[in-house]
Amino acid sequence: MNCPGCLTTGLGPGYIASFAICGLFFILGLGVLFWASRNGKLDGLDDTKFAMLQDED
């Protein structure tokens, strides 16, 4: 069996840049989630869910 190229030659700059961008988006998402939970933006989500399920006759 042949060993994958990244194990023998290391990761190229394209892979490093793409992992860095993905990590940046992950950290940004965690920050936004933390901000929303501290400011009460995530409160009352059940009310929205139940409002969508109600029939308007």
PDB file of N, CA and C in Angstrom:
ATOM      1  N   MET A   1       0.824  -1.191   0.000  1.00  0.00           N
ATOM      2  CA  MET A   1       0.000   0.000   0.000  1.00  0.00           C
ATOM      3  C   MET A   1       0.861   1.244   0.000  1.00  0.00           C
ATOM      4  N   ASN A   2       0.372   2.245  -0.692  1.00  0.00           N
ATOM      5  CA  ASN A   2       1.090   3.517  -0.740  1.00  0.00           C
ATOM      6  C   ASN A   2       0.630   4.418   0.399  1.00  0.00           C
ATOM      7  N   CYS A   3       1.569   5.066   1.006  1.00  0.00           N
ATOM      8  CA  CYS A   3       1.264   6.007   2.080  1.00  0.00           C
ATOM      9  C   CYS A   3       0.751   7.306   1.453  1.00  0.00           C
ATOM     10  N   PRO A   4      -0.289   7.933   2.031  1.00  0.00           N
ATOM     11  CA  PRO A   4      -0.749   9.218   1.480  1.00  0.00           C
ATOM     12  C   PRO A   4       0.361  10.252   1.481  1.00  0.00           C
ATOM     13  N   GLY A   5       0.311  11.135   0.513  1.00  0.00           N
ATOM     14  CA  GLY A   5       1.359  12.127   0.337  1.00  0.00           C
ATOM     15  C   GLY A   5       1.527  13.063   1.513  1.00  0.00           C
ATOM     16  N   CYS A   6       0.448  13.362   2.223  1.00  0.00           N
ATOM     17  CA  CYS A   6       0.569  14.320   3.323  1.00  0.00           C
ATOM     18  C   CYS A   6       1.334  13.729   4.504  1.00  0.00           C
ATOM     19  N   LEU A   7       1.383  12.412   4.591  1.00  0.00           N
ATOM     20  CA  LEU A   7       2.116  11.798   5.693  1.00  0.00           C
ATOM     21  C   LEU A   7       3.615  11.759   5.423  1.00  0.00           C
ATOM     22  N   THR A   8       3.989  11.710   4.164  1.00  0.00           N
ATOM     23  CA  THR A   8       5.411  11.625   3.843  1.00  0.00           C
ATOM     24  C   THR A   8       6.029  12.985   3.537  1.00  0.00           C
ATOM     25  N   THR A   9       5.262  13.893   2.950  1.00  0.00           N
ATOM     26  CA  THR A   9       5.830  15.185   2.553  1.00  0.00           C
ATOM     27  C   THR A   9       5.318  16.342   3.394  1.00  0.00           C
ATOM     28  N   GLY A  10       4.349  16.114   4.271  1.00  0.00           N
ATOM     29  CA  GLY A  10       3.786  17.202   5.084  1.00  0.00           C
ATOM     30  C   GLY A  10       2.646  17.888   4.362  1.00  0.00           C
ATOM     31  N   LEU A  11       1.937  18.706   5.095  1.00  0.00           N
ATOM     32  CA  LEU A  11       0.820  19.447   4.514  1.00  0.00           C
ATOM     33  C   LEU A  11       1.336  20.650   3.740  1.00  0.00           C
ATOM     34  N   GLY A  12       0.701  20.914   2.626  1.00  0.00           N
ATOM     35  CA  GLY A  12       1.076  22.074   1.834  1.00  0.00           C
ATOM     36  C   GLY A  12       0.444  23.344   2.373  1.00  0.00           C
ATOM     37  N   PRO A  13       0.855  24.475   1.844  1.00  0.00           N
ATOM     38  CA  PRO A  13       0.319  25.752   2.329  1.00  0.00           C
ATOM     39  C   PRO A  13      -1.177  25.913   2.064  1.00  0.00           C
ATOM     40  N   GLY A  14      -1.687  25.282   1.027  1.00  0.00           N
ATOM     41  CA  GLY A  14      -3.119  25.350   0.751  1.00  0.00           C
ATOM     42  C   GLY A  14      -3.939  24.669   1.824  1.00  0.00           C
ATOM     43  N   TYR A  15      -3.465  23.513   2.286  1.00  0.00           N
ATOM     44  CA  TYR A  15      -4.152  22.804   3.359  1.00  0.00           C
ATOM     45  C   TYR A  15      -4.088  23.597   4.669  1.00  0.00           C
ATOM     46  N   ILE A  16      -2.945  24.167   4.943  1.00  0.00           N
ATOM     47  CA  ILE A  16      -2.782  24.935   6.178  1.00  0.00           C
ATOM     48  C   ILE A  16      -3.705  26.153   6.156  1.00  0.00           C
ATOM     49  N   ALA A  17      -3.793  26.828   5.024  1.00  0.00           N
ATOM     50  CA  ALA A  17      -4.667  27.999   4.910  1.00  0.00           C
ATOM     51  C   ALA A  17      -6.137  27.602   5.050  1.00  0.00           C
ATOM     52  N   SER A  18      -6.524  26.487   4.443  1.00  0.00           N
ATOM     53  CA  SER A  18      -7.925  26.078   4.536  1.00  0.00           C
ATOM     54  C   SER A  18      -8.285  25.656   5.962  1.00  0.00           C
ATOM     55  N   PHE A  19      -7.386  24.958   6.649  1.00  0.00           N
ATOM     56  CA  PHE A  19      -7.640  24.604   8.049  1.00  0.00           C
ATOM     57  C   PHE A  19      -7.701  25.847   8.925  1.00  0.00           C
ATOM     58  N   ALA A  20      -6.873  26.840   8.623  1.00  0.00           N
ATOM     59  CA  ALA A  20      -6.883  28.078   9.399  1.00  0.00           C
ATOM     60  C   ALA A  20      -8.205  28.826   9.204  1.00  0.00           C
ATOM     61  N   ILE A  21      -8.700  28.869   7.969  1.00  0.00           N
ATOM     62  CA  ILE A  21      -9.975  29.534   7.701  1.00  0.00           C
ATOM     63  C   ILE A  21     -11.117  28.799   8.385  1.00  0.00           C
ATOM     64  N   CYS A  22     -11.111  27.472   8.328  1.00  0.00           N
ATOM     65  CA  CYS A  22     -12.151  26.688   9.017  1.00  0.00           C
ATOM     66  C   CYS A  22     -12.087  26.909  10.521  1.00  0.00           C
ATOM     67  N   GLY A  23     -10.898  26.961  11.080  1.00  0.00           N
ATOM     68  CA  GLY A  23     -10.749  27.214  12.504  1.00  0.00           C
ATOM     69  C   GLY A  23     -11.229  28.603  12.879  1.00  0.00           C
ATOM     70  N   LEU A  24     -10.976  29.577  12.012  1.00  0.00           N
ATOM     71  CA  LEU A  24     -11.433  30.939  12.259  1.00  0.00           C
ATOM     72  C   LEU A  24     -12.962  31.002  12.287  1.00  0.00           C
ATOM     73  N   PHE A  25     -13.621  30.345  11.327  1.00  0.00           N
ATOM     74  CA  PHE A  25     -15.079  30.320  11.314  1.00  0.00           C
ATOM     75  C   PHE A  25     -15.637  29.588  12.531  1.00  0.00           C
ATOM     76  N   PHE A  26     -14.974  28.527  12.974  1.00  0.00           N
ATOM     77  CA  PHE A  26     -15.430  27.793  14.152  1.00  0.00           C
ATOM     78  C   PHE A  26     -15.348  28.669  15.396  1.00  0.00           C
ATOM     79  N   ILE A  27     -14.229  29.360  15.570  1.00  0.00           N
ATOM     80  CA  ILE A  27     -14.057  30.240  16.726  1.00  0.00           C
ATOM     81  C   ILE A  27     -15.041  31.410  16.653  1.00  0.00           C
ATOM     82  N   LEU A  28     -15.274  31.940  15.457  1.00  0.00           N
ATOM     83  CA  LEU A  28     -16.244  33.010  15.286  1.00  0.00           C
ATOM     84  C   LEU A  28     -17.652  32.531  15.640  1.00  0.00           C
ATOM     85  N   GLY A  29     -18.005  31.315  15.223  1.00  0.00           N
ATOM     86  CA  GLY A  29     -19.309  30.753  15.558  1.00  0.00           C
ATOM     87  C   GLY A  29     -19.484  30.556  17.052  1.00  0.00           C
ATOM     88  N   LEU A  30     -18.450  30.078  17.724  1.00  0.00           N
ATOM     89  CA  LEU A  30     -18.519  29.936  19.177  1.00  0.00           C
ATOM     90  C   LEU A  30     -18.682  31.296  19.858  1.00  0.00           C
ATOM     91  N   GLY A  31     -17.993  32.290  19.342  1.00  0.00           N
ATOM     92  CA  GLY A  31     -18.104  33.630  19.908  1.00  0.00           C
ATOM     93  C   GLY A  31     -19.503  34.207  19.741  1.00  0.00           C
ATOM     94  N   VAL A  32     -20.094  34.007  18.576  1.00  0.00           N
ATOM     95  CA  VAL A  32     -21.451  34.501  18.337  1.00  0.00           C
ATOM     96  C   VAL A  32     -22.455  33.757  19.211  1.00  0.00           C
ATOM     97  N   LEU A  33     -22.277  32.457  19.365  1.00  0.00           N
ATOM     98  CA  LEU A  33     -23.163  31.681  20.229  1.00  0.00           C
ATOM     99  C   LEU A  33     -23.041  32.139  21.683  1.00  0.00           C
ATOM    100  N   PHE A  34     -21.836  32.399  22.146  1.00  0.00           N
ATOM    101  CA  PHE A  34     -21.619  32.891  23.500  1.00  0.00           C
ATOM    102  C   PHE A  34     -22.243  34.266  23.679  1.00  0.00           C
ATOM    103  N   TRP A  35     -22.072  35.155  22.698  1.00  0.00           N
ATOM    104  CA  TRP A  35     -22.656  36.491  22.761  1.00  0.00           C
ATOM    105  C   TRP A  35     -24.183  36.411  22.809  1.00  0.00           C
ATOM    106  N   ALA A  36     -24.776  35.561  21.973  1.00  0.00           N
ATOM    107  CA  ALA A  36     -26.234  35.448  21.936  1.00  0.00           C
ATOM    108  C   ALA A  36     -26.781  34.895  23.241  1.00  0.00           C
ATOM    109  N   SER A  37     -26.079  33.963  23.856  1.00  0.00           N
ATOM    110  CA  SER A  37     -26.567  33.407  25.112  1.00  0.00           C
ATOM    111  C   SER A  37     -26.442  34.422  26.252  1.00  0.00           C
ATOM    112  N   ARG A  38     -25.411  35.252  26.228  1.00  0.00           N
ATOM    113  CA  ARG A  38     -25.240  36.262  27.287  1.00  0.00           C
ATOM    114  C   ARG A  38     -26.236  37.398  27.156  1.00  0.00           C
ATOM    115  N   ASN A  39     -26.649  37.735  25.937  1.00  0.00           N
ATOM    116  CA  ASN A  39     -27.556  38.855  25.714  1.00  0.00           C
ATOM    117  C   ASN A  39     -29.020  38.429  25.658  1.00  0.00           C
ATOM    118  N   GLY A  40     -29.309  37.156  25.896  1.00  0.00           N
ATOM    119  CA  GLY A  40     -30.689  36.700  25.945  1.00  0.00           C
ATOM    120  C   GLY A  40     -31.328  36.485  24.593  1.00  0.00           C
ATOM    121  N   LYS A  41     -30.555  36.420  23.541  1.00  0.00           N
ATOM    122  CA  LYS A  41     -31.116  36.210  22.204  1.00  0.00           C
ATOM    123  C   LYS A  41     -31.640  34.792  22.024  1.00  0.00           C
ATOM    124  N   LEU A  42     -31.193  33.860  22.864  1.00  0.00           N
ATOM    125  CA  LEU A  42     -31.627  32.471  22.739  1.00  0.00           C
ATOM    126  C   LEU A  42     -32.802  32.153  23.650  1.00  0.00           C
ATOM    127  N   ASP A  43     -33.266  33.140  24.413  1.00  0.00           N
ATOM    128  CA  ASP A  43     -34.422  32.933  25.281  1.00  0.00           C
ATOM    129  C   ASP A  43     -35.698  32.969  24.445  1.00  0.00           C
ATOM    130  N   GLY A  44     -36.667  32.162  24.805  1.00  0.00           N
ATOM    131  CA  GLY A  44     -37.961  32.176  24.126  1.00  0.00           C
ATOM    132  C   GLY A  44     -37.973  31.450  22.800  1.00  0.00           C
ATOM    133  N   LEU A  45     -37.051  30.549  22.561  1.00  0.00           N
ATOM    134  CA  LEU A  45     -37.070  29.809  21.298  1.00  0.00           C
ATOM    135  C   LEU A  45     -38.265  28.864  21.221  1.00  0.00           C
ATOM    136  N   ASP A  46     -38.734  28.389  22.379  1.00  0.00           N
ATOM    137  CA  ASP A  46     -39.894  27.498  22.380  1.00  0.00           C
ATOM    138  C   ASP A  46     -41.152  28.235  21.943  1.00  0.00           C
ATOM    139  N   ASP A  47     -41.263  29.516  22.276  1.00  0.00           N
ATOM    140  CA  ASP A  47     -42.426  30.286  21.855  1.00  0.00           C
ATOM    141  C   ASP A  47     -42.512  30.368  20.334  1.00  0.00           C
ATOM    142  N   THR A  48     -41.386  30.546  19.687  1.00  0.00           N
ATOM    143  CA  THR A  48     -41.356  30.595  18.227  1.00  0.00           C
ATOM    144  C   THR A  48     -41.752  29.250  17.634  1.00  0.00           C
ATOM    145  N   LYS A  49     -41.268  28.181  18.230  1.00  0.00           N
ATOM    146  CA  LYS A  49     -41.596  26.844  17.730  1.00  0.00           C
ATOM    147  C   LYS A  49     -43.085  26.579  17.843  1.00  0.00           C
ATOM    148  N   PHE A  50     -43.679  26.923  18.978  1.00  0.00           N
ATOM    149  CA  PHE A  50     -45.104  26.668  19.170  1.00  0.00           C
ATOM    150  C   PHE A  50     -45.957  27.603  18.320  1.00  0.00           C
ATOM    151  N   ALA A  51     -45.478  28.800  18.054  1.00  0.00           N
ATOM    152  CA  ALA A  51     -46.216  29.730  17.183  1.00  0.00           C
ATOM    153  C   ALA A  51     -46.279  29.207  15.752  1.00  0.00           C
ATOM    154  N   MET A  52     -45.244  28.532  15.300  1.00  0.00           N
ATOM    155  CA  MET A  52     -45.259  27.969  13.943  1.00  0.00           C
ATOM    156  C   MET A  52     -46.213  26.787  13.853  1.00  0.00           C
ATOM    157  N   LEU A  53     -46.439  26.080  14.963  1.00  0.00           N
ATOM    158  CA  LEU A  53     -47.303  24.911  14.926  1.00  0.00           C
ATOM    159  C   LEU A  53     -48.785  25.236  15.092  1.00  0.00           C
ATOM    160  N   GLN A  54     -49.112  26.449  15.500  1.00  0.00           N
ATOM    161  CA  GLN A  54     -50.516  26.811  15.693  1.00  0.00           C
ATOM    162  C   GLN A  54     -51.196  27.031  14.347  1.00  0.00           C
ATOM    163  N   ASP A  55     -52.439  26.549  14.251  1.00  0.00           N
ATOM    164  CA  ASP A  55     -53.236  26.738  13.046  1.00  0.00           C
ATOM    165  C   ASP A  55     -53.987  28.055  13.137  1.00  0.00           C
ATOM    166  N   GLU A  56     -53.901  28.838  12.108  1.00  0.00           N
ATOM    167  CA  GLU A  56     -54.618  30.108  12.050  1.00  0.00           C
ATOM    168  C   GLU A  56     -55.885  29.880  11.231  1.00  0.00           C
ATOM    169  N   ASP A  57     -57.008  29.807  11.912  1.00  0.00           N
ATOM    170  CA  ASP A  57     -58.286  29.597  11.199  1.00  0.00           C
ATOM    171  C   ASP A  57     -59.075  30.866  11.086  1.00  0.00           C
TER     172      ASP A  57
END
